[in-house]
Amino acid sequence: MDLQIALLLGQDGITNGAIYALLSLALVLVFAVTRVIYIPQGEFVAYGALTLASFQAGKTPGTLWLLIAAGIAVAILDLHQVLRARTLRKIPRIVGWNLLYPAIAAAVVFLLKPGELPLLAQIILALVLVVPLGPMIYRLAYQPLAEASVLVLLIVSVAVHFAMTGLGLLFFGAEGSRTPAFSDASFEFGLLTVTGQTVWVLGASLFLIVALYLFFERTIYGKALRATAMNRTGARLMGISTVMAGKLSFLLAALIGAFSGVLIAPITTIYYDTGFLIGLKGFVGAIVGGLGSYPIAAAGAILVGLLEAFSSFWASAFKEVIVFTVIIPVLIWLSLTTRHVEEEE
């Protein structure tokens, strides 16, 4: 291995690690707030990328129908709940978010012909369809079991993952898709050539990380999420809705996942089940952070990206094995250094 190959592998590792870092932050956020090990996080990567690819191919993405169906299901559950509790003032908000919003999105898709829109408009429209699925999934699958044990929530996550993977196969088919690059530019730095898409990935990832930091530090909703992550009972006693916190954390996780899929779609071919493997690598970074530290999780994700890149050079057949083996020493270290607390029944 010479210096040029090492630089290329390092560039590839850092680019992939930036995406894994975003997914790690989303996984840590969801787990800290809701105690859910969010296995379906990777499916939002595939949904975001394949929805954008469907627009560019002139097709109506299946995520539109999923948004409509999930909105109807959530509206039925919420309307039944408010009618029993006689809190009728919530009805307009329920109807607006769960019925009117999907209807408007469907009208935009059918009237504007997204395949003829600029790339930025296509990306925004793809996020409009995919991101609301996050809080809807929380309402349908996790909110009724919010007080269940971590094991039960993990089983639910596995079920949701298989359901979303199957729907992805139904919506997008078994063939992979790749979208055009955001930029055709390239930059020379000595022996290293950096493509414009790589700059977009790194810049967008850094921007999103900074935006999340400012959100948690400067906004009331961000502080509410932090309070819920630190002490759910205390946050509830202070008037912070844990339901709102759960929905907001799933919304942010869906945004991060779908946006990550849009970023990597020009770099790699995305299949309906590609997101699972990408999400697992983000999960490795989250495990390195102990599912509790955002900076350590991000650093662990960058390490995973570099390890994957260099492993593909030295032992490409075993690169996945090498990446996932990192979990073992980390778990052993955490088991030896972390004080164990029995979960309350």
Protein backbone atom coordinates (compact mmCIF):
# COMPACT_ATOMS: atom_id res chain seq x y z
CA MET A 1 0.00 0.00 0.00
CA ASP A 2 1.45 3.35 -1.06
CA LEU A 3 0.51 6.82 0.18
CA GLN A 4 -1.99 7.52 -2.61
CA ILE A 5 -3.96 4.33 -1.90
CA ALA A 6 -3.92 5.11 1.82
CA LEU A 7 -5.28 8.60 1.15
CA LEU A 8 -8.03 7.24 -1.09
CA LEU A 9 -9.01 4.65 1.51
CA GLY A 10 -8.96 7.31 4.21
CA GLN A 11 -11.21 9.57 2.13
CA ASP A 12 -13.64 6.71 1.51
CA GLY A 13 -13.62 5.75 5.20
CA ILE A 14 -14.26 9.29 6.41
CA THR A 15 -17.08 9.76 3.88
CA ASN A 16 -18.80 6.55 4.95
CA GLY A 17 -18.03 7.31 8.59
CA ALA A 18 -19.81 10.67 8.31
CA ILE A 19 -23.01 8.85 7.30
CA TYR A 20 -22.54 6.25 10.03
CA ALA A 21 -22.03 9.10 12.50
CA LEU A 22 -25.39 10.62 11.61
CA LEU A 23 -27.13 7.27 12.06
CA SER A 24 -25.29 6.70 15.35
CA LEU A 25 -26.52 10.04 16.67
CA ALA A 26 -30.09 9.13 15.68
CA LEU A 27 -29.85 5.73 17.38
CA VAL A 28 -28.43 7.23 20.57
CA LEU A 29 -31.14 9.91 20.58
CA VAL A 30 -33.98 7.42 20.16
CA PHE A 31 -32.59 5.04 22.77
CA ALA A 32 -31.92 7.79 25.31
CA VAL A 33 -35.43 9.21 25.02
CA THR A 34 -37.55 6.10 24.48
CA ARG A 35 -35.31 3.12 25.43
CA VAL A 36 -35.93 1.72 21.93
CA ILE A 37 -33.04 0.08 20.08
CA TYR A 38 -34.20 1.41 16.74
CA ILE A 39 -33.30 -1.31 14.25
CA PRO A 40 -35.54 0.14 11.46
CA GLN A 41 -33.38 3.28 11.32
CA GLY A 42 -31.60 1.92 8.25
CA GLU A 43 -34.87 1.47 6.37
CA PHE A 44 -35.31 5.25 6.29
CA VAL A 45 -31.97 5.46 4.48
CA ALA A 46 -33.28 3.15 1.75
CA TYR A 47 -36.71 4.80 1.67
CA GLY A 48 -35.22 8.28 1.26
CA ALA A 49 -32.86 7.26 -1.54
CA LEU A 50 -35.35 5.08 -3.42
CA THR A 51 -38.14 7.66 -3.15
CA LEU A 52 -35.84 10.21 -4.77
CA ALA A 53 -34.87 7.65 -7.45
CA SER A 54 -38.56 6.97 -8.12
CA PHE A 55 -39.20 10.67 -8.71
CA GLN A 56 -36.30 10.87 -11.14
CA ALA A 57 -37.59 7.81 -12.99
CA GLY A 58 -41.01 9.43 -13.35
CA LYS A 59 -42.73 6.95 -11.01
CA THR A 60 -45.00 7.47 -8.03
CA PRO A 61 -43.11 6.11 -4.98
CA GLY A 62 -44.81 3.56 -2.76
CA THR A 63 -43.88 5.67 0.28
CA LEU A 64 -46.74 8.01 -0.69
CA TRP A 65 -49.28 5.22 -0.21
CA LEU A 66 -47.56 4.15 3.01
CA LEU A 67 -47.81 7.74 4.30
CA ILE A 68 -51.53 7.85 3.50
CA ALA A 69 -52.23 4.44 5.07
CA ALA A 70 -50.18 5.21 8.20
CA GLY A 71 -51.90 8.60 8.53
CA ILE A 72 -55.35 7.01 8.39
CA ALA A 73 -54.37 4.40 10.99
CA VAL A 74 -52.93 7.04 13.35
CA ALA A 75 -55.99 9.26 12.87
CA ILE A 76 -58.34 6.41 13.78
CA LEU A 77 -56.40 5.61 16.96
CA ASP A 78 -56.04 9.24 18.05
CA LEU A 79 -59.65 10.16 17.26
CA HIS A 80 -60.88 7.18 19.27
CA GLN A 81 -58.69 8.28 22.17
CA VAL A 82 -59.79 11.92 22.17
CA LEU A 83 -63.45 11.00 21.82
CA ARG A 84 -63.20 8.75 24.87
CA ALA A 85 -61.39 11.46 26.83
CA ARG A 86 -63.71 14.18 25.48
CA THR A 87 -60.75 16.38 24.50
CA LEU A 88 -62.36 17.51 21.27
CA ARG A 89 -60.03 20.49 20.81
CA LYS A 90 -57.33 18.08 19.57
CA ILE A 91 -59.43 16.86 16.63
CA PRO A 92 -58.36 19.60 14.12
CA ARG A 93 -54.67 18.92 14.79
CA ILE A 94 -55.14 15.14 14.43
CA VAL A 95 -57.06 15.53 11.17
CA GLY A 96 -54.60 18.11 9.85
CA TRP A 97 -51.39 16.15 10.45
CA ASN A 98 -52.65 12.65 9.70
CA LEU A 99 -55.24 13.14 6.95
CA LEU A 100 -54.84 16.58 5.39
CA TYR A 101 -51.04 16.53 5.23
CA PRO A 102 -50.83 13.20 3.29
CA ALA A 103 -53.64 14.40 1.00
CA ILE A 104 -51.75 17.62 0.19
CA ALA A 105 -48.54 15.63 -0.37
CA ALA A 106 -50.39 13.31 -2.77
CA ALA A 107 -51.84 16.29 -4.65
CA VAL A 108 -48.37 17.84 -5.00
CA VAL A 109 -46.90 14.58 -6.32
CA PHE A 110 -49.63 14.10 -8.92
CA LEU A 111 -49.95 17.72 -10.02
CA LEU A 112 -46.32 18.89 -10.15
CA LYS A 113 -44.75 15.89 -11.96
CA PRO A 114 -41.68 15.57 -9.68
CA GLY A 115 -39.55 14.05 -12.46
CA GLU A 116 -39.48 17.46 -14.16
CA LEU A 117 -38.59 19.43 -11.02
CA PRO A 118 -35.08 20.58 -10.08
CA LEU A 119 -33.00 18.22 -7.94
CA LEU A 120 -33.42 20.31 -4.78
CA ALA A 121 -37.22 20.25 -5.12
CA GLN A 122 -37.13 16.48 -5.64
CA ILE A 123 -35.05 16.02 -2.48
CA ILE A 124 -37.41 18.19 -0.42
CA LEU A 125 -40.44 16.32 -1.74
CA ALA A 126 -38.80 12.96 -0.94
CA LEU A 127 -38.18 14.11 2.64
CA VAL A 128 -41.76 15.40 2.86
CA LEU A 129 -43.02 11.88 2.12
CA VAL A 130 -40.57 9.84 4.20
CA VAL A 131 -39.84 11.87 7.34
CA PRO A 132 -43.42 11.93 8.78
CA LEU A 133 -43.37 8.12 8.78
CA GLY A 134 -41.07 8.30 11.82
CA PRO A 135 -43.56 9.68 14.38
CA MET A 136 -46.36 7.67 12.75
CA ILE A 137 -44.45 4.44 13.32
CA TYR A 138 -43.81 5.51 16.90
CA ARG A 139 -47.54 6.08 17.43
CA LEU A 140 -48.56 2.76 15.90
CA ALA A 141 -45.84 0.42 17.17
CA TYR A 142 -44.06 1.92 20.18
CA GLN A 143 -46.31 4.37 22.01
CA PRO A 144 -48.76 1.68 23.19
CA LEU A 145 -45.76 -0.19 24.68
CA ALA A 146 -43.86 2.83 25.99
CA GLU A 147 -43.59 1.40 29.51
CA ALA A 148 -42.63 -2.11 28.40
CA SER A 149 -39.19 -3.59 29.01
CA VAL A 150 -36.26 -2.95 26.68
CA LEU A 151 -36.47 -6.57 25.50
CA VAL A 152 -40.10 -6.18 24.42
CA LEU A 153 -39.27 -2.93 22.62
CA LEU A 154 -36.38 -4.69 20.88
CA ILE A 155 -38.70 -7.45 19.66
CA VAL A 156 -41.09 -4.79 18.33
CA SER A 157 -38.17 -3.12 16.54
CA VAL A 158 -37.28 -6.39 14.84
CA ALA A 159 -40.89 -6.80 13.71
CA VAL A 160 -41.05 -3.23 12.39
CA HIS A 161 -37.77 -3.77 10.55
CA PHE A 162 -39.04 -6.87 8.75
CA ALA A 163 -42.32 -5.13 7.91
CA MET A 164 -40.55 -2.09 6.43
CA THR A 165 -38.10 -4.27 4.50
CA GLY A 166 -40.96 -6.26 3.00
CA LEU A 167 -42.80 -3.07 2.09
CA GLY A 168 -39.61 -1.73 0.53
CA LEU A 169 -39.42 -4.79 -1.72
CA LEU A 170 -43.08 -4.31 -2.64
CA PHE A 171 -42.73 -0.59 -3.34
CA PHE A 172 -39.37 -0.45 -5.13
CA GLY A 173 -38.67 -3.96 -6.38
CA ALA A 174 -35.47 -5.99 -6.05
CA GLU A 175 -33.41 -3.88 -8.46
CA GLY A 176 -31.10 -1.24 -7.09
CA SER A 177 -31.11 2.46 -7.97
CA ARG A 178 -28.59 5.26 -8.02
CA THR A 179 -29.30 8.98 -8.37
CA PRO A 180 -27.21 11.64 -10.17
CA ALA A 181 -24.50 13.37 -8.19
CA PHE A 182 -25.25 16.76 -6.69
CA SER A 183 -22.12 18.15 -8.32
CA ASP A 184 -19.72 17.01 -11.05
CA ALA A 185 -16.86 19.10 -9.67
CA SER A 186 -13.60 17.59 -8.43
CA PHE A 187 -10.76 19.07 -6.41
CA GLU A 188 -7.06 18.16 -6.48
CA PHE A 189 -5.11 18.10 -3.22
CA GLY A 190 -1.70 16.74 -4.14
CA LEU A 191 -2.10 13.01 -4.65
CA LEU A 192 -5.73 13.09 -3.54
CA THR A 193 -8.73 13.85 -5.76
CA VAL A 194 -11.91 14.78 -3.89
CA THR A 195 -15.21 14.62 -5.77
CA GLY A 196 -17.93 17.18 -5.37
CA GLN A 197 -20.32 14.56 -3.98
CA THR A 198 -17.82 13.72 -1.22
CA VAL A 199 -17.69 17.40 -0.29
CA TRP A 200 -21.50 17.47 -0.24
CA VAL A 201 -21.64 14.43 2.05
CA LEU A 202 -19.06 15.78 4.50
CA GLY A 203 -20.45 19.32 4.45
CA ALA A 204 -24.07 18.26 4.85
CA SER A 205 -23.19 15.81 7.62
CA LEU A 206 -21.23 18.47 9.50
CA PHE A 207 -24.05 20.98 9.02
CA LEU A 208 -26.64 18.54 10.34
CA ILE A 209 -24.51 17.65 13.37
CA VAL A 210 -24.05 21.36 14.21
CA ALA A 211 -27.77 21.98 13.66
CA LEU A 212 -28.65 19.15 16.04
CA TYR A 213 -26.22 20.55 18.64
CA LEU A 214 -27.85 23.98 18.41
CA PHE A 215 -31.29 22.38 18.55
CA PHE A 216 -30.48 20.56 21.80
CA GLU A 217 -28.69 23.53 23.37
CA ARG A 218 -30.80 26.52 22.27
CA THR A 219 -34.42 25.40 21.75
CA ILE A 220 -37.08 24.51 24.28
CA TYR A 221 -37.94 21.28 22.46
CA GLY A 222 -34.29 20.24 22.39
CA LYS A 223 -33.98 20.87 26.11
CA ALA A 224 -37.18 18.89 26.68
CA LEU A 225 -35.64 15.94 24.82
CA ARG A 226 -32.48 16.19 26.90
CA ALA A 227 -34.51 16.28 30.09
CA THR A 228 -36.52 13.23 29.02
CA ALA A 229 -33.32 11.37 28.14
CA MET A 230 -31.82 12.10 31.56
CA ASN A 231 -34.88 11.31 33.68
CA ARG A 232 -38.21 10.28 32.15
CA THR A 233 -40.09 10.40 35.44
CA GLY A 234 -38.65 13.77 36.42
CA ALA A 235 -39.43 15.20 32.99
CA ARG A 236 -43.03 13.99 33.26
CA LEU A 237 -43.38 15.58 36.69
CA MET A 238 -42.12 18.87 35.27
CA GLY A 239 -44.87 18.83 32.63
CA ILE A 240 -42.84 17.49 29.69
CA SER A 241 -44.88 15.07 27.62
CA THR A 242 -42.95 11.83 27.09
CA VAL A 243 -45.28 11.09 24.15
CA MET A 244 -44.25 14.36 22.51
CA ALA A 245 -40.59 13.59 23.25
CA GLY A 246 -40.92 10.14 21.69
CA LYS A 247 -42.56 11.45 18.53
CA LEU A 248 -40.00 14.23 18.19
CA SER A 249 -37.07 11.84 18.61
CA PHE A 250 -38.51 9.52 15.94
CA LEU A 251 -39.11 12.52 13.66
CA LEU A 252 -35.46 13.58 13.97
CA ALA A 253 -34.29 9.98 13.45
CA ALA A 254 -36.41 9.69 10.29
CA LEU A 255 -35.06 13.02 9.01
CA ILE A 256 -31.47 11.93 9.61
CA GLY A 257 -32.03 8.53 8.00
CA ALA A 258 -33.84 9.83 4.90
CA PHE A 259 -31.37 12.67 4.42
CA SER A 260 -28.46 10.23 4.74
CA GLY A 261 -30.01 8.06 2.05
CA VAL A 262 -30.32 11.04 -0.28
CA LEU A 263 -26.64 11.88 0.33
CA ILE A 264 -25.24 8.42 -0.42
CA ALA A 265 -27.57 7.52 -3.31
CA PRO A 266 -25.17 9.05 -5.91
CA ILE A 267 -22.20 7.18 -4.38
CA THR A 268 -23.53 3.64 -4.07
CA THR A 269 -26.37 1.62 -5.52
CA ILE A 270 -29.24 1.43 -3.03
CA TYR A 271 -31.48 -1.64 -2.79
CA TYR A 272 -34.62 -2.09 -0.74
CA ASP A 273 -32.61 -3.82 2.02
CA THR A 274 -29.39 -1.81 1.81
CA GLY A 275 -30.32 0.37 4.75
CA PHE A 276 -30.19 -2.53 7.21
CA LEU A 277 -26.45 -3.07 6.81
CA ILE A 278 -25.76 0.68 6.87
CA GLY A 279 -27.88 1.04 9.99
CA LEU A 280 -26.01 -1.81 11.67
CA LYS A 281 -22.70 -0.06 11.09
CA GLY A 282 -24.17 3.08 12.62
CA PHE A 283 -25.29 0.87 15.50
CA VAL A 284 -21.70 -0.26 16.02
CA GLY A 285 -20.71 3.39 16.42
CA ALA A 286 -23.57 3.90 18.86
CA ILE A 287 -22.42 0.86 20.86
CA VAL A 288 -18.91 2.33 21.05
CA GLY A 289 -20.56 5.37 22.63
CA GLY A 290 -22.39 3.14 25.10
CA LEU A 291 -25.73 4.24 23.58
CA GLY A 292 -25.43 7.37 25.68
CA SER A 293 -22.66 9.68 24.46
CA TYR A 294 -23.17 11.61 21.23
CA PRO A 295 -19.51 12.66 20.64
CA ILE A 296 -18.14 9.17 21.38
CA ALA A 297 -20.80 7.59 19.15
CA ALA A 298 -19.81 9.93 16.29
CA ALA A 299 -16.12 9.16 16.82
CA GLY A 300 -16.90 5.44 16.92
CA ALA A 301 -18.80 5.74 13.62
CA ILE A 302 -15.82 7.46 11.95
CA LEU A 303 -13.64 4.62 13.27
CA VAL A 304 -16.05 2.09 11.75
CA GLY A 305 -15.87 3.85 8.38
CA LEU A 306 -12.05 3.88 8.38
CA LEU A 307 -11.87 0.26 9.55
CA GLU A 308 -14.27 -0.79 6.79
CA ALA A 309 -12.29 1.06 4.10
CA PHE A 310 -8.91 -0.37 5.05
CA SER A 311 -10.35 -3.83 5.65
CA SER A 312 -11.73 -3.80 2.10
CA PHE A 313 -8.13 -3.39 0.88
CA TRP A 314 -6.42 -5.95 3.08
CA ALA A 315 -9.20 -8.54 3.43
CA SER A 316 -12.22 -7.55 1.34
CA ALA A 317 -13.96 -10.90 1.89
CA PHE A 318 -13.93 -10.37 5.65
CA LYS A 319 -14.50 -6.61 5.91
CA GLU A 320 -18.01 -6.98 7.35
CA VAL A 321 -16.78 -9.55 9.86
CA ILE A 322 -13.95 -7.26 10.95
CA VAL A 323 -16.29 -4.27 11.36
CA PHE A 324 -18.87 -6.10 13.45
CA THR A 325 -16.21 -7.84 15.52
CA VAL A 326 -15.40 -4.42 16.98
CA ILE A 327 -18.56 -4.77 19.08
CA ILE A 328 -17.13 -7.67 21.09
CA PRO A 329 -14.22 -5.92 22.89
CA VAL A 330 -16.38 -2.82 23.41
CA LEU A 331 -19.16 -4.85 25.04
CA ILE A 332 -16.65 -6.68 27.22
CA TRP A 333 -15.14 -3.37 28.33
CA LEU A 334 -18.57 -1.87 29.04
CA SER A 335 -19.63 -4.94 31.02
CA LEU A 336 -16.53 -4.65 33.21
CA THR A 337 -16.66 -0.90 33.78
CA THR A 338 -20.40 -0.10 33.90
CA ARG A 339 -22.48 -0.38 37.04
CA HIS A 340 -25.41 -2.69 36.31
CA VAL A 341 -28.92 -1.68 37.35
CA GLU A 342 -31.74 -4.19 37.17
CA GLU A 343 -34.64 -2.95 35.08
CA GLU A 344 -37.80 -2.41 37.08
CA GLU A 345 -40.67 -4.72 36.27
